[in-house]
N, C-alpha and C. Protein backbone atom coordinates (compact mmCIF):
# COMPACT_ATOMS: atom_id res chain seq x y z
N MET A 1 77.62 1.36 -62.24
CA MET A 1 77.92 2.65 -62.81
C MET A 1 78.86 3.38 -61.87
N SER A 2 79.97 3.83 -62.37
CA SER A 2 80.92 4.54 -61.51
C SER A 2 80.69 6.04 -61.62
N PRO A 3 80.88 6.76 -60.51
CA PRO A 3 80.68 8.21 -60.57
C PRO A 3 81.78 8.87 -61.40
N VAL A 4 81.44 9.96 -62.03
CA VAL A 4 82.38 10.71 -62.84
C VAL A 4 82.63 12.03 -62.14
N ARG A 5 83.89 12.41 -62.01
CA ARG A 5 84.19 13.69 -61.37
C ARG A 5 83.65 14.83 -62.22
N ARG A 6 83.08 15.80 -61.55
CA ARG A 6 82.53 16.97 -62.23
C ARG A 6 83.66 17.73 -62.91
N GLY A 7 83.54 17.94 -64.20
CA GLY A 7 84.56 18.67 -64.95
C GLY A 7 84.54 20.14 -64.60
N GLU A 8 85.68 20.69 -64.27
CA GLU A 8 85.76 22.10 -63.92
C GLU A 8 85.74 22.99 -65.15
N THR A 9 86.38 22.55 -66.22
CA THR A 9 86.46 23.41 -67.40
C THR A 9 85.39 23.09 -68.44
N ARG A 10 84.78 21.93 -68.38
CA ARG A 10 83.75 21.54 -69.34
C ARG A 10 82.58 20.89 -68.62
N PRO A 11 81.86 21.67 -67.80
CA PRO A 11 80.74 21.09 -67.05
C PRO A 11 79.58 20.70 -67.98
N ILE A 12 78.72 19.85 -67.46
CA ILE A 12 77.51 19.47 -68.17
C ILE A 12 76.33 19.92 -67.31
N PHE A 13 75.52 20.80 -67.87
CA PHE A 13 74.33 21.28 -67.17
C PHE A 13 73.13 20.50 -67.68
N ASN A 14 72.07 20.45 -66.87
CA ASN A 14 70.87 19.73 -67.30
C ASN A 14 69.61 20.40 -66.77
N ARG A 15 68.49 20.03 -67.37
CA ARG A 15 67.17 20.52 -66.96
C ARG A 15 66.33 19.39 -66.36
N ILE A 16 66.95 18.40 -65.82
CA ILE A 16 66.22 17.23 -65.32
C ILE A 16 65.19 17.62 -64.26
N ALA A 17 65.56 18.44 -63.28
CA ALA A 17 64.64 18.81 -62.21
C ALA A 17 63.42 19.54 -62.76
N VAL A 18 63.64 20.47 -63.68
CA VAL A 18 62.53 21.23 -64.26
C VAL A 18 61.62 20.32 -65.07
N LEU A 19 62.21 19.48 -65.88
CA LEU A 19 61.42 18.57 -66.72
C LEU A 19 60.65 17.56 -65.87
N ARG A 20 61.28 17.09 -64.82
CA ARG A 20 60.62 16.14 -63.91
C ARG A 20 59.42 16.81 -63.24
N ALA A 21 59.62 18.06 -62.78
CA ALA A 21 58.53 18.79 -62.12
C ALA A 21 57.39 19.08 -63.09
N GLU A 22 57.71 19.46 -64.31
CA GLU A 22 56.68 19.74 -65.32
C GLU A 22 55.79 18.52 -65.57
N ARG A 23 56.39 17.36 -65.46
CA ARG A 23 55.65 16.12 -65.72
C ARG A 23 55.11 15.47 -64.45
N ALA A 24 55.26 16.17 -63.33
CA ALA A 24 54.78 15.69 -62.03
C ALA A 24 55.34 14.30 -61.70
N LEU A 25 56.62 14.11 -61.99
CA LEU A 25 57.29 12.85 -61.68
C LEU A 25 58.09 13.01 -60.39
N SER A 26 57.97 12.06 -59.50
CA SER A 26 58.84 12.06 -58.32
C SER A 26 60.21 11.56 -58.76
N ARG A 27 61.20 11.81 -57.92
CA ARG A 27 62.53 11.27 -58.22
C ARG A 27 62.46 9.75 -58.29
N ALA A 28 61.70 9.16 -57.39
CA ALA A 28 61.58 7.70 -57.36
C ALA A 28 60.97 7.16 -58.65
N ARG A 29 59.94 7.84 -59.16
CA ARG A 29 59.29 7.37 -60.38
C ARG A 29 60.21 7.53 -61.60
N LEU A 30 60.90 8.68 -61.68
CA LEU A 30 61.84 8.86 -62.78
C LEU A 30 62.95 7.82 -62.71
N ALA A 31 63.44 7.57 -61.51
CA ALA A 31 64.48 6.56 -61.34
C ALA A 31 64.00 5.20 -61.82
N GLU A 32 62.77 4.88 -61.49
CA GLU A 32 62.18 3.61 -61.92
C GLU A 32 62.10 3.54 -63.44
N LEU A 33 61.69 4.63 -64.07
CA LEU A 33 61.55 4.65 -65.53
C LEU A 33 62.87 4.50 -66.26
N VAL A 34 63.96 5.01 -65.67
CA VAL A 34 65.27 4.92 -66.33
C VAL A 34 66.16 3.86 -65.69
N GLU A 35 65.60 3.13 -64.73
CA GLU A 35 66.27 1.99 -64.10
C GLU A 35 67.55 2.36 -63.36
N VAL A 36 67.44 3.40 -62.50
CA VAL A 36 68.54 3.76 -61.61
C VAL A 36 67.99 3.97 -60.21
N ASN A 37 68.87 4.20 -59.27
CA ASN A 37 68.50 4.48 -57.90
C ASN A 37 68.00 5.92 -57.80
N PRO A 38 66.98 6.21 -56.98
CA PRO A 38 66.50 7.58 -56.83
C PRO A 38 67.59 8.57 -56.42
N GLN A 39 68.59 8.11 -55.66
CA GLN A 39 69.69 8.98 -55.27
C GLN A 39 70.49 9.44 -56.50
N THR A 40 70.54 8.59 -57.52
CA THR A 40 71.23 8.95 -58.75
C THR A 40 70.53 10.12 -59.43
N VAL A 41 69.21 10.10 -59.43
CA VAL A 41 68.45 11.21 -60.02
C VAL A 41 68.76 12.50 -59.27
N GLY A 42 68.78 12.43 -57.94
CA GLY A 42 69.12 13.61 -57.14
C GLY A 42 70.51 14.13 -57.44
N ALA A 43 71.47 13.23 -57.56
CA ALA A 43 72.85 13.62 -57.86
C ALA A 43 72.95 14.26 -59.24
N LEU A 44 72.19 13.74 -60.20
CA LEU A 44 72.18 14.33 -61.54
C LEU A 44 71.59 15.73 -61.49
N GLU A 45 70.48 15.88 -60.78
CA GLU A 45 69.82 17.18 -60.70
C GLU A 45 70.72 18.24 -60.04
N ARG A 46 71.48 17.85 -59.06
CA ARG A 46 72.38 18.78 -58.36
C ARG A 46 73.66 19.03 -59.14
N GLY A 47 73.92 18.22 -60.16
CA GLY A 47 75.16 18.35 -60.92
C GLY A 47 76.33 17.66 -60.25
N ASP A 48 76.05 16.80 -59.28
CA ASP A 48 77.10 16.06 -58.59
C ASP A 48 77.56 14.84 -59.38
N HIS A 49 76.81 14.47 -60.39
CA HIS A 49 77.09 13.26 -61.18
C HIS A 49 76.73 13.54 -62.62
N TYR A 50 77.53 13.04 -63.55
CA TYR A 50 77.21 13.11 -64.97
C TYR A 50 76.67 11.76 -65.41
N PRO A 51 75.64 11.76 -66.25
CA PRO A 51 75.11 10.48 -66.71
C PRO A 51 76.00 9.85 -67.77
N SER A 52 75.94 8.54 -67.84
CA SER A 52 76.57 7.85 -68.98
C SER A 52 75.75 8.23 -70.22
N LEU A 53 76.28 7.96 -71.37
CA LEU A 53 75.54 8.23 -72.60
C LEU A 53 74.24 7.44 -72.61
N ASP A 54 74.30 6.19 -72.17
CA ASP A 54 73.10 5.35 -72.12
C ASP A 54 72.03 5.97 -71.22
N LEU A 55 72.43 6.40 -70.03
CA LEU A 55 71.47 6.99 -69.10
C LEU A 55 70.93 8.31 -69.65
N ALA A 56 71.77 9.13 -70.24
CA ALA A 56 71.32 10.39 -70.84
C ALA A 56 70.26 10.13 -71.90
N LEU A 57 70.48 9.12 -72.73
CA LEU A 57 69.51 8.80 -73.77
C LEU A 57 68.21 8.26 -73.19
N ARG A 58 68.31 7.46 -72.12
CA ARG A 58 67.09 6.97 -71.47
C ARG A 58 66.28 8.12 -70.87
N LEU A 59 66.97 9.08 -70.25
CA LEU A 59 66.28 10.25 -69.70
C LEU A 59 65.59 11.04 -70.80
N CYS A 60 66.29 11.26 -71.90
CA CYS A 60 65.71 11.99 -73.03
C CYS A 60 64.49 11.26 -73.59
N GLU A 61 64.55 9.96 -73.61
CA GLU A 61 63.42 9.17 -74.09
C GLU A 61 62.21 9.34 -73.19
N VAL A 62 62.41 9.31 -71.88
CA VAL A 62 61.31 9.51 -70.94
C VAL A 62 60.68 10.88 -71.13
N PHE A 63 61.51 11.91 -71.31
CA PHE A 63 61.00 13.26 -71.48
C PHE A 63 60.51 13.54 -72.90
N GLY A 64 60.86 12.67 -73.85
CA GLY A 64 60.44 12.87 -75.23
C GLY A 64 61.12 14.07 -75.87
N LEU A 65 62.38 14.30 -75.49
CA LEU A 65 63.12 15.46 -75.97
C LEU A 65 64.49 15.05 -76.51
N PRO A 66 65.06 15.87 -77.40
CA PRO A 66 66.42 15.59 -77.87
C PRO A 66 67.43 15.91 -76.78
N VAL A 67 68.60 15.35 -76.89
CA VAL A 67 69.67 15.54 -75.91
C VAL A 67 69.93 17.02 -75.65
N GLU A 68 69.93 17.84 -76.69
CA GLU A 68 70.23 19.27 -76.56
C GLU A 68 69.22 20.01 -75.70
N ALA A 69 68.02 19.49 -75.58
CA ALA A 69 66.99 20.13 -74.76
C ALA A 69 67.14 19.78 -73.29
N VAL A 70 67.88 18.72 -72.99
CA VAL A 70 68.03 18.25 -71.62
C VAL A 70 69.42 18.55 -71.06
N PHE A 71 70.44 18.46 -71.90
CA PHE A 71 71.83 18.63 -71.47
C PHE A 71 72.53 19.71 -72.29
N SER A 72 73.46 20.42 -71.65
CA SER A 72 74.20 21.48 -72.35
C SER A 72 75.55 21.71 -71.68
N ARG A 73 76.50 22.22 -72.45
CA ARG A 73 77.80 22.62 -71.90
C ARG A 73 77.73 24.01 -71.28
N THR A 74 76.69 24.77 -71.60
CA THR A 74 76.50 26.10 -71.01
C THR A 74 75.23 26.08 -70.18
N GLU A 75 75.16 26.99 -69.20
CA GLU A 75 73.98 27.02 -68.35
C GLU A 75 72.75 27.37 -69.16
N PHE A 76 71.64 26.74 -68.81
CA PHE A 76 70.38 27.03 -69.47
C PHE A 76 69.82 28.33 -68.91
N THR A 77 69.17 29.11 -69.76
CA THR A 77 68.43 30.26 -69.26
C THR A 77 67.09 29.73 -68.76
N PRO A 78 66.44 30.44 -67.85
CA PRO A 78 65.13 29.97 -67.39
C PRO A 78 64.17 29.84 -68.56
N LEU A 79 63.31 28.84 -68.50
CA LEU A 79 62.35 28.63 -69.58
C LEU A 79 61.45 29.83 -69.75
N SER A 80 61.12 30.52 -68.65
CA SER A 80 60.27 31.71 -68.75
C SER A 80 60.96 32.78 -69.59
N ALA A 81 62.27 32.94 -69.44
CA ALA A 81 63.01 33.92 -70.23
C ALA A 81 62.99 33.53 -71.70
N GLU A 82 63.08 32.24 -71.98
CA GLU A 82 63.01 31.77 -73.36
C GLU A 82 61.65 32.11 -73.98
N MET A 83 60.60 31.88 -73.23
CA MET A 83 59.25 32.12 -73.74
C MET A 83 59.02 33.61 -73.97
N TYR A 84 59.42 34.45 -73.02
CA TYR A 84 59.20 35.89 -73.15
C TYR A 84 60.02 36.47 -74.28
N ARG A 85 61.22 35.97 -74.47
CA ARG A 85 62.07 36.46 -75.56
C ARG A 85 61.44 36.15 -76.91
N ARG A 86 60.85 34.98 -77.04
CA ARG A 86 60.23 34.59 -78.31
C ARG A 86 59.01 35.45 -78.62
N THR A 87 58.21 35.72 -77.59
CA THR A 87 56.99 36.49 -77.84
C THR A 87 57.28 37.96 -78.09
N GLY A 88 58.43 38.44 -77.60
CA GLY A 88 58.79 39.83 -77.76
C GLY A 88 59.51 40.13 -79.07
N GLU A 89 59.87 39.12 -79.81
CA GLU A 89 60.63 39.33 -81.06
C GLU A 89 59.72 39.72 -82.19
């Protein structure tokens, strides 16, 4: 897998770190589940690396979520803000 330069005008944001923490998965365990090196998981979480389509789909499968819940072209708002906004409507 070759690294992809981070796009300046069309970045890809993700919730991998949050989702991994919610599920009490270590980077090593998530890496094992999606068949990559643990350093790759760290690079994805920091935004230093973009996943291939195949890897993105494997990550979504592990989390049991659609692509839109894990990856976005715009920054995610904190999940707590999402929850409070829903309850306040």
